[in-house]
Amino acid sequence: MIFLLLTQRLIDPLAQMSNIIDSYEDARASTKRILGIMNLPVRIQNADDATPLEAAEGHVAFDDVTFGYGDEIGLEDLDVDVDPGETVGLVGPTGAGKTTFVKLLLRLSTVRDADTILGVEDGRIVEAGTHDELLSADGLYANLWRVQAGEIGSLPAEYIEEASQRVTQQGLDSQ
């Protein structure tokens, strides 16, 4: 009996050390992969006559935002206020809403229930209102809503023409 107890007291620390070494090796391998990606040479070069891109001055504010996918809530009662030039890190476990926050910020998902939604084009606010107000105004927001809803056939011809011109121009600029 004493032999088994002493054996267990010896094996437990060795098992713990083994787990620590495994974690260290995982972190080391991950670091090697990350550094490998960071050390890749940049293959995209600016054109000689490229216009310098200046940092946009902007303020991001989410006030009591709740967003979800179907019945599943991704963000609930979120309040965020980020000043121009401020750096913010998003951390949290899987399912905490980090990706959802970024999707909303980049307008990859649409907000339906908000006090004010801003429509921004070429760095300027061109519309402001609620979801219903902006849909009835039939402007930029309504067209973006139609695209996200898959209602491409109901887009105005001039919107499609302008989008085509932008795509064509971007293709020519990249050559």
C-alpha atoms as a PDB file:
ATOM      1  CA  MET A   1       0.000   0.000   0.000  1.00  0.00           C
ATOM      2  CA  ILE A   2       2.776   2.425   0.915  1.00  0.00           C
ATOM      3  CA  PHE A   3       4.579   1.472  -2.285  1.00  0.00           C
ATOM      4  CA  LEU A   4       1.519   2.441  -4.395  1.00  0.00           C
ATOM      5  CA  LEU A   5       1.143   5.746  -2.551  1.00  0.00           C
ATOM      6  CA  LEU A   6       4.798   6.636  -3.058  1.00  0.00           C
ATOM      7  CA  THR A   7       4.614   5.607  -6.711  1.00  0.00           C
ATOM      8  CA  GLN A   8       1.582   7.860  -7.259  1.00  0.00           C
ATOM      9  CA  ARG A   9       3.337  10.787  -5.554  1.00  0.00           C
ATOM     10  CA  LEU A  10       6.241  10.322  -7.962  1.00  0.00           C
ATOM     11  CA  ILE A  11       4.160   9.845 -11.118  1.00  0.00           C
ATOM     12  CA  ASP A  12       1.776  12.824 -10.636  1.00  0.00           C
ATOM     13  CA  PRO A  13       4.519  15.498 -10.854  1.00  0.00           C
ATOM     14  CA  LEU A  14       6.008  13.706 -13.873  1.00  0.00           C
ATOM     15  CA  ALA A  15       2.593  13.703 -15.582  1.00  0.00           C
ATOM     16  CA  GLN A  16       2.188  17.416 -14.843  1.00  0.00           C
ATOM     17  CA  MET A  17       5.644  18.130 -16.246  1.00  0.00           C
ATOM     18  CA  SER A  18       4.750  16.140 -19.354  1.00  0.00           C
ATOM     19  CA  ASN A  19       1.632  18.299 -19.861  1.00  0.00           C
ATOM     20  CA  ILE A  20       3.693  21.474 -19.470  1.00  0.00           C
ATOM     21  CA  ILE A  21       6.233  20.240 -22.024  1.00  0.00           C
ATOM     22  CA  ASP A  22       3.395  19.379 -24.462  1.00  0.00           C
ATOM     23  CA  SER A  23       1.949  22.890 -24.084  1.00  0.00           C
ATOM     24  CA  TYR A  24       5.400  24.400 -24.595  1.00  0.00           C
ATOM     25  CA  GLU A  25       5.933  22.367 -27.777  1.00  0.00           C
ATOM     26  CA  ASP A  26       2.487  23.388 -29.112  1.00  0.00           C
ATOM     27  CA  ALA A  27       3.250  27.055 -28.437  1.00  0.00           C
ATOM     28  CA  ARG A  28       6.679  26.730 -30.022  1.00  0.00           C
ATOM     29  CA  ALA A  29       5.214  25.153 -33.187  1.00  0.00           C
ATOM     30  CA  SER A  30       2.496  27.827 -33.386  1.00  0.00           C
ATOM     31  CA  THR A  31       5.060  30.591 -32.960  1.00  0.00           C
ATOM     32  CA  LYS A  32       7.178  29.090 -35.727  1.00  0.00           C
ATOM     33  CA  ARG A  33       4.173  29.054 -38.093  1.00  0.00           C
ATOM     34  CA  ILE A  34       3.196  32.638 -37.206  1.00  0.00           C
ATOM     35  CA  LEU A  35       6.742  33.925 -37.658  1.00  0.00           C
ATOM     36  CA  GLY A  36       6.946  32.086 -40.965  1.00  0.00           C
ATOM     37  CA  ILE A  37       3.859  33.939 -42.200  1.00  0.00           C
ATOM     38  CA  MET A  38       5.094  37.276 -40.872  1.00  0.00           C
ATOM     39  CA  ASN A  39       8.439  36.817 -42.643  1.00  0.00           C
ATOM     40  CA  LEU A  40       6.888  36.189 -46.065  1.00  0.00           C
ATOM     41  CA  PRO A  41       7.918  38.864 -48.546  1.00  0.00           C
ATOM     42  CA  VAL A  42       5.248  41.335 -49.638  1.00  0.00           C
ATOM     43  CA  ARG A  43       4.290  40.515 -53.211  1.00  0.00           C
ATOM     44  CA  ILE A  44       1.826  43.346 -53.757  1.00  0.00           C
ATOM     45  CA  GLN A  45       3.590  46.547 -54.704  1.00  0.00           C
ATOM     46  CA  ASN A  46       2.139  50.013 -55.144  1.00  0.00           C
ATOM     47  CA  ALA A  47       2.159  51.451 -58.629  1.00  0.00           C
ATOM     48  CA  ASP A  48       4.716  54.200 -59.172  1.00  0.00           C
ATOM     49  CA  ASP A  49       1.932  56.759 -59.653  1.00  0.00           C
ATOM     50  CA  ALA A  50      -0.247  55.486 -56.775  1.00  0.00           C
ATOM     51  CA  THR A  51      -1.984  58.077 -54.638  1.00  0.00           C
ATOM     52  CA  PRO A  52      -0.788  57.784 -51.032  1.00  0.00           C
ATOM     53  CA  LEU A  53      -3.492  56.404 -48.753  1.00  0.00           C
ATOM     54  CA  GLU A  54      -4.033  58.633 -45.775  1.00  0.00           C
ATOM     55  CA  ALA A  55      -5.365  57.221 -42.537  1.00  0.00           C
ATOM     56  CA  ALA A  56      -9.064  57.863 -42.138  1.00  0.00           C
ATOM     57  CA  GLU A  57     -10.126  59.827 -39.114  1.00  0.00           C
ATOM     58  CA  GLY A  58     -13.184  58.137 -37.742  1.00  0.00           C
ATOM     59  CA  HIS A  59     -15.082  57.497 -34.583  1.00  0.00           C
ATOM     60  CA  VAL A  60     -16.744  54.133 -33.926  1.00  0.00           C
ATOM     61  CA  ALA A  61     -19.618  53.942 -31.491  1.00  0.00           C
ATOM     62  CA  PHE A  62     -21.970  51.059 -30.755  1.00  0.00           C
ATOM     63  CA  ASP A  63     -24.642  51.970 -28.215  1.00  0.00           C
ATOM     64  CA  ASP A  64     -26.657  49.099 -26.718  1.00  0.00           C
ATOM     65  CA  VAL A  65     -26.172  46.868 -29.791  1.00  0.00           C
ATOM     66  CA  THR A  66     -27.682  43.398 -29.823  1.00  0.00           C
ATOM     67  CA  PHE A  67     -27.092  41.160 -32.813  1.00  0.00           C
ATOM     68  CA  GLY A  68     -27.632  37.515 -33.523  1.00  0.00           C
ATOM     69  CA  TYR A  69     -27.835  34.842 -36.145  1.00  0.00           C
ATOM     70  CA  GLY A  70     -31.391  33.540 -36.206  1.00  0.00           C
ATOM     71  CA  ASP A  71     -32.381  32.793 -32.605  1.00  0.00           C
ATOM     72  CA  GLU A  72     -28.767  32.695 -31.378  1.00  0.00           C
ATOM     73  CA  ILE A  73     -27.517  35.977 -29.877  1.00  0.00           C
ATOM     74  CA  GLY A  74     -23.944  36.859 -30.904  1.00  0.00           C
ATOM     75  CA  LEU A  75     -23.705  40.221 -29.155  1.00  0.00           C
ATOM     76  CA  GLU A  76     -25.988  41.520 -26.448  1.00  0.00           C
ATOM     77  CA  ASP A  77     -26.245  45.073 -25.095  1.00  0.00           C
ATOM     78  CA  LEU A  78     -22.801  45.992 -26.461  1.00  0.00           C
ATOM     79  CA  ASP A  79     -21.511  49.511 -25.796  1.00  0.00           C
ATOM     80  CA  VAL A  80     -18.282  50.486 -27.564  1.00  0.00           C
ATOM     81  CA  ASP A  81     -16.773  53.929 -28.054  1.00  0.00           C
ATOM     82  CA  VAL A  82     -13.486  54.098 -29.976  1.00  0.00           C
ATOM     83  CA  ASP A  83     -11.842  57.440 -30.704  1.00  0.00           C
ATOM     84  CA  PRO A  84      -9.850  58.113 -33.895  1.00  0.00           C
ATOM     85  CA  GLY A  85      -6.344  56.660 -33.657  1.00  0.00           C
ATOM     86  CA  GLU A  86      -7.192  54.500 -30.654  1.00  0.00           C
ATOM     87  CA  THR A  87      -6.169  50.839 -30.861  1.00  0.00           C
ATOM     88  CA  VAL A  88      -8.553  48.244 -29.470  1.00  0.00           C
ATOM     89  CA  GLY A  89      -7.946  44.529 -29.036  1.00  0.00           C
ATOM     90  CA  LEU A  90     -10.816  42.045 -29.131  1.00  0.00           C
ATOM     91  CA  VAL A  91     -10.214  39.022 -26.938  1.00  0.00           C
ATOM     92  CA  GLY A  92     -12.466  36.316 -25.626  1.00  0.00           C
ATOM     93  CA  PRO A  93     -13.355  32.667 -25.908  1.00  0.00           C
ATOM     94  CA  THR A  94     -14.934  31.050 -28.941  1.00  0.00           C
ATOM     95  CA  GLY A  95     -18.486  32.318 -29.366  1.00  0.00           C
ATOM     96  CA  ALA A  96     -17.947  35.553 -27.424  1.00  0.00           C
ATOM     97  CA  GLY A  97     -18.814  37.723 -30.457  1.00  0.00           C
ATOM     98  CA  LYS A  98     -15.409  38.903 -31.697  1.00  0.00           C
ATOM     99  CA  THR A  99     -16.055  37.952 -35.333  1.00  0.00           C
ATOM    100  CA  THR A 100     -19.622  39.252 -35.143  1.00  0.00           C
ATOM    101  CA  PHE A 101     -18.318  42.626 -33.941  1.00  0.00           C
ATOM    102  CA  VAL A 102     -15.905  42.864 -36.861  1.00  0.00           C
ATOM    103  CA  LYS A 103     -18.613  41.793 -39.340  1.00  0.00           C
ATOM    104  CA  LEU A 104     -20.880  44.563 -38.088  1.00  0.00           C
ATOM    105  CA  LEU A 105     -18.049  47.077 -38.164  1.00  0.00           C
ATOM    106  CA  LEU A 106     -17.146  46.214 -41.773  1.00  0.00           C
ATOM    107  CA  ARG A 107     -20.847  45.986 -42.705  1.00  0.00           C
ATOM    108  CA  LEU A 108     -20.620  42.335 -43.669  1.00  0.00           C
ATOM    109  CA  SER A 109     -23.792  41.905 -41.628  1.00  0.00           C
ATOM    110  CA  THR A 110     -26.706  44.310 -41.541  1.00  0.00           C
ATOM    111  CA  VAL A 111     -28.093  46.007 -38.476  1.00  0.00           C
ATOM    112  CA  ARG A 112     -31.881  46.198 -38.511  1.00  0.00           C
ATOM    113  CA  ASP A 113     -32.709  47.688 -35.143  1.00  0.00           C
ATOM    114  CA  ALA A 114     -30.674  50.793 -34.406  1.00  0.00           C
ATOM    115  CA  ASP A 115     -31.424  54.340 -33.373  1.00  0.00           C
ATOM    116  CA  THR A 116     -29.368  55.629 -36.295  1.00  0.00           C
ATOM    117  CA  ILE A 117     -27.681  53.846 -39.167  1.00  0.00           C
ATOM    118  CA  LEU A 118     -25.197  55.842 -41.229  1.00  0.00           C
ATOM    119  CA  GLY A 119     -24.719  55.241 -44.939  1.00  0.00           C
ATOM    120  CA  VAL A 120     -21.128  56.085 -45.861  1.00  0.00           C
ATOM    121  CA  GLU A 121     -19.827  56.383 -49.402  1.00  0.00           C
ATOM    122  CA  ASP A 122     -16.366  57.564 -50.444  1.00  0.00           C
ATOM    123  CA  GLY A 123     -15.623  58.568 -46.847  1.00  0.00           C
ATOM    124  CA  ARG A 124     -18.724  60.783 -46.541  1.00  0.00           C
ATOM    125  CA  ILE A 125     -21.973  60.206 -44.684  1.00  0.00           C
ATOM    126  CA  VAL A 126     -24.623  60.228 -47.403  1.00  0.00           C
ATOM    127  CA  GLU A 127     -27.598  58.890 -45.401  1.00  0.00           C
ATOM    128  CA  ALA A 128     -28.734  58.624 -41.821  1.00  0.00           C
ATOM    129  CA  GLY A 129     -31.841  57.103 -40.324  1.00  0.00           C
ATOM    130  CA  THR A 130     -33.435  53.930 -39.016  1.00  0.00           C
ATOM    131  CA  HIS A 131     -33.520  50.713 -41.032  1.00  0.00           C
ATOM    132  CA  ASP A 132     -37.090  51.361 -42.223  1.00  0.00           C
ATOM    133  CA  GLU A 133     -36.425  55.028 -43.030  1.00  0.00           C
ATOM    134  CA  LEU A 134     -33.357  54.180 -45.094  1.00  0.00           C
ATOM    135  CA  LEU A 135     -35.160  51.381 -46.961  1.00  0.00           C
ATOM    136  CA  SER A 136     -38.030  53.712 -47.872  1.00  0.00           C
ATOM    137  CA  ALA A 137     -35.550  56.419 -48.991  1.00  0.00           C
ATOM    138  CA  ASP A 138     -34.395  53.900 -51.634  1.00  0.00           C
ATOM    139  CA  GLY A 139     -30.793  55.102 -51.615  1.00  0.00           C
ATOM    140  CA  LEU A 140     -27.399  53.545 -50.906  1.00  0.00           C
ATOM    141  CA  TYR A 141     -28.514  51.623 -47.800  1.00  0.00           C
ATOM    142  CA  ALA A 142     -31.551  50.164 -49.578  1.00  0.00           C
ATOM    143  CA  ASN A 143     -29.381  49.003 -52.475  1.00  0.00           C
ATOM    144  CA  LEU A 144     -26.835  47.422 -50.121  1.00  0.00           C
ATOM    145  CA  TRP A 145     -29.723  45.747 -48.299  1.00  0.00           C
ATOM    146  CA  ARG A 146     -31.006  44.327 -51.591  1.00  0.00           C
ATOM    147  CA  VAL A 147     -27.557  42.945 -52.416  1.00  0.00           C
ATOM    148  CA  GLN A 148     -27.246  41.262 -49.002  1.00  0.00           C
ATOM    149  CA  ALA A 149     -30.802  39.911 -49.285  1.00  0.00           C
ATOM    150  CA  GLY A 150     -30.000  38.459 -52.724  1.00  0.00           C
ATOM    151  CA  GLU A 151     -32.505  40.714 -54.488  1.00  0.00           C
ATOM    152  CA  ILE A 152     -30.104  41.713 -57.279  1.00  0.00           C
ATOM    153  CA  GLY A 153     -32.915  41.881 -59.845  1.00  0.00           C
ATOM    154  CA  SER A 154     -34.601  44.727 -57.949  1.00  0.00           C
ATOM    155  CA  LEU A 155     -31.504  46.966 -57.996  1.00  0.00           C
ATOM    156  CA  PRO A 156     -31.757  50.170 -60.058  1.00  0.00           C
ATOM    157  CA  ALA A 157     -29.915  50.006 -63.400  1.00  0.00           C
ATOM    158  CA  GLU A 158     -27.758  53.036 -62.506  1.00  0.00           C
ATOM    159  CA  TYR A 159     -26.570  51.317 -59.291  1.00  0.00           C
ATOM    160  CA  ILE A 160     -25.526  48.223 -61.234  1.00  0.00           C
ATOM    161  CA  GLU A 161     -23.830  50.391 -63.884  1.00  0.00           C
ATOM    162  CA  GLU A 162     -21.903  52.362 -61.241  1.00  0.00           C
ATOM    163  CA  ALA A 163     -20.821  49.148 -59.483  1.00  0.00           C
ATOM    164  CA  SER A 164     -19.696  47.695 -62.833  1.00  0.00           C
ATOM    165  CA  GLN A 165     -17.675  50.813 -63.581  1.00  0.00           C
ATOM    166  CA  ARG A 166     -15.976  50.633 -60.176  1.00  0.00           C
ATOM    167  CA  VAL A 167     -15.095  46.965 -60.697  1.00  0.00           C
ATOM    168  CA  THR A 168     -13.786  47.697 -64.195  1.00  0.00           C
ATOM    169  CA  GLN A 169     -11.765  50.668 -62.955  1.00  0.00           C
ATOM    170  CA  GLN A 170     -10.305  48.636 -60.074  1.00  0.00           C
ATOM    171  CA  GLY A 171      -9.333  45.917 -62.555  1.00  0.00           C
ATOM    172  CA  LEU A 172      -7.614  48.444 -64.818  1.00  0.00           C
ATOM    173  CA  ASP A 173      -5.877  50.114 -61.876  1.00  0.00           C
ATOM    174  CA  SER A 174      -4.406  46.811 -60.710  1.00  0.00           C
ATOM    175  CA  GLN A 175      -2.826  46.009 -64.089  1.00  0.00           C
END
